[in-house]
Amino acid sequence: MCSPTCAGCGRTPIEIGEYKHNGEGLTADEFVRQEEGTYNPDTNHFACTECYIRMGMPTAAGRGWKAP
């Protein structure tokens, strides 16, 4: 399975410190798939914190925003 990629900057979780050093004992990819609220399993994309802020911190009522 391919690593998830940030919909904004194209980086993978292992390239982003907050996912690489998550303190949960998970790989960076596992952490994003299990814990990152913006992760979209249909596209395998998420938004890293920097990109999520740059995107204006989008929301979706009742279901949470997922990266395109």
C-alpha atoms as a PDB file:
ATOM      1  CA  MET A   1       0.000   0.000   0.000  1.00  0.00           C
ATOM      2  CA  CYS A   2       1.287   3.465  -0.901  1.00  0.00           C
ATOM      3  CA  SER A   3       1.937   6.063   1.767  1.00  0.00           C
ATOM      4  CA  PRO A   4      -0.741   8.709   2.218  1.00  0.00           C
ATOM      5  CA  THR A   5       0.185  12.106   0.794  1.00  0.00           C
ATOM      6  CA  CYS A   6      -0.703  15.601   1.896  1.00  0.00           C
ATOM      7  CA  ALA A   7      -3.175  17.141  -0.537  1.00  0.00           C
ATOM      8  CA  GLY A   8      -1.444  20.499  -0.118  1.00  0.00           C
ATOM      9  CA  CYS A   9       2.304  19.944  -0.200  1.00  0.00           C
ATOM     10  CA  GLY A  10       2.574  16.354  -1.441  1.00  0.00           C
ATOM     11  CA  ARG A  11       4.711  15.174   1.493  1.00  0.00           C
ATOM     12  CA  THR A  12       4.256  11.728   3.007  1.00  0.00           C
ATOM     13  CA  PRO A  13       3.802  11.230   6.768  1.00  0.00           C
ATOM     14  CA  ILE A  14       7.402  10.059   7.310  1.00  0.00           C
ATOM     15  CA  GLU A  15       8.555  13.468   6.007  1.00  0.00           C
ATOM     16  CA  ILE A  16       6.524  15.355   8.641  1.00  0.00           C
ATOM     17  CA  GLY A  17       7.812  15.416  12.220  1.00  0.00           C
ATOM     18  CA  GLU A  18       4.435  15.395  13.994  1.00  0.00           C
ATOM     19  CA  TYR A  19       3.550  12.099  12.304  1.00  0.00           C
ATOM     20  CA  LYS A  20       7.022  10.591  12.342  1.00  0.00           C
ATOM     21  CA  HIS A  21       7.373  11.188  16.104  1.00  0.00           C
ATOM     22  CA  ASN A  22       3.757  10.581  17.111  1.00  0.00           C
ATOM     23  CA  GLY A  23       4.346   8.999  20.535  1.00  0.00           C
ATOM     24  CA  GLU A  24       1.710   6.335  19.885  1.00  0.00           C
ATOM     25  CA  GLY A  25       4.068   3.559  18.806  1.00  0.00           C
ATOM     26  CA  LEU A  26       2.621   3.665  15.288  1.00  0.00           C
ATOM     27  CA  THR A  27       4.441   4.164  12.022  1.00  0.00           C
ATOM     28  CA  ALA A  28       3.858   7.587  10.504  1.00  0.00           C
ATOM     29  CA  ASP A  29       1.563   6.067   7.856  1.00  0.00           C
ATOM     30  CA  GLU A  30      -0.444   4.124  10.465  1.00  0.00           C
ATOM     31  CA  PHE A  31      -0.816   7.228  12.583  1.00  0.00           C
ATOM     32  CA  VAL A  32      -2.236   9.266   9.696  1.00  0.00           C
ATOM     33  CA  ARG A  33      -4.631   6.483   8.661  1.00  0.00           C
ATOM     34  CA  GLN A  34      -5.867   5.920  12.220  1.00  0.00           C
ATOM     35  CA  GLU A  35      -5.647   9.318  13.908  1.00  0.00           C
ATOM     36  CA  GLU A  36      -5.533  12.140  11.338  1.00  0.00           C
ATOM     37  CA  GLY A  37      -9.013  13.647  11.062  1.00  0.00           C
ATOM     38  CA  THR A  38      -8.432  15.004   7.562  1.00  0.00           C
ATOM     39  CA  TYR A  39      -7.395  11.598   6.157  1.00  0.00           C
ATOM     40  CA  ASN A  40      -9.538  10.500   3.218  1.00  0.00           C
ATOM     41  CA  PRO A  41      -9.244   6.724   2.674  1.00  0.00           C
ATOM     42  CA  ASP A  42     -10.868   7.024  -0.763  1.00  0.00           C
ATOM     43  CA  THR A  43      -8.049   9.225  -2.094  1.00  0.00           C
ATOM     44  CA  ASN A  44      -5.278   8.306   0.406  1.00  0.00           C
ATOM     45  CA  HIS A  45      -4.803  12.053   1.034  1.00  0.00           C
ATOM     46  CA  PHE A  46      -4.706  14.101   4.226  1.00  0.00           C
ATOM     47  CA  ALA A  47      -3.819  17.683   5.090  1.00  0.00           C
ATOM     48  CA  CYS A  48      -0.765  18.260   7.260  1.00  0.00           C
ATOM     49  CA  THR A  49      -1.152  20.946   9.896  1.00  0.00           C
ATOM     50  CA  GLU A  50       0.699  23.589   7.855  1.00  0.00           C
ATOM     51  CA  CYS A  51      -1.413  22.979   4.762  1.00  0.00           C
ATOM     52  CA  TYR A  52      -4.654  22.686   6.726  1.00  0.00           C
ATOM     53  CA  ILE A  53      -4.008  26.136   8.202  1.00  0.00           C
ATOM     54  CA  ARG A  54      -2.970  27.511   4.792  1.00  0.00           C
ATOM     55  CA  MET A  55      -6.259  26.129   3.361  1.00  0.00           C
ATOM     56  CA  GLY A  56      -8.180  28.188   5.925  1.00  0.00           C
ATOM     57  CA  MET A  57      -8.916  25.282   8.310  1.00  0.00           C
ATOM     58  CA  PRO A  58     -11.916  23.971   6.345  1.00  0.00           C
ATOM     59  CA  THR A  59     -14.800  22.244   8.122  1.00  0.00           C
ATOM     60  CA  ALA A  60     -17.766  20.127   7.097  1.00  0.00           C
ATOM     61  CA  ALA A  61     -20.835  20.181   9.312  1.00  0.00           C
ATOM     62  CA  GLY A  62     -21.600  16.919  11.054  1.00  0.00           C
ATOM     63  CA  ARG A  63     -19.038  14.730   9.346  1.00  0.00           C
ATOM     64  CA  GLY A  64     -15.685  16.470   9.515  1.00  0.00           C
ATOM     65  CA  TRP A  65     -13.624  17.728   6.592  1.00  0.00           C
ATOM     66  CA  LYS A  66     -11.600  15.211   4.583  1.00  0.00           C
ATOM     67  CA  ALA A  67      -8.846  16.040   2.119  1.00  0.00           C
ATOM     68  CA  PRO A  68      -9.885  15.772  -1.537  1.00  0.00           C
END
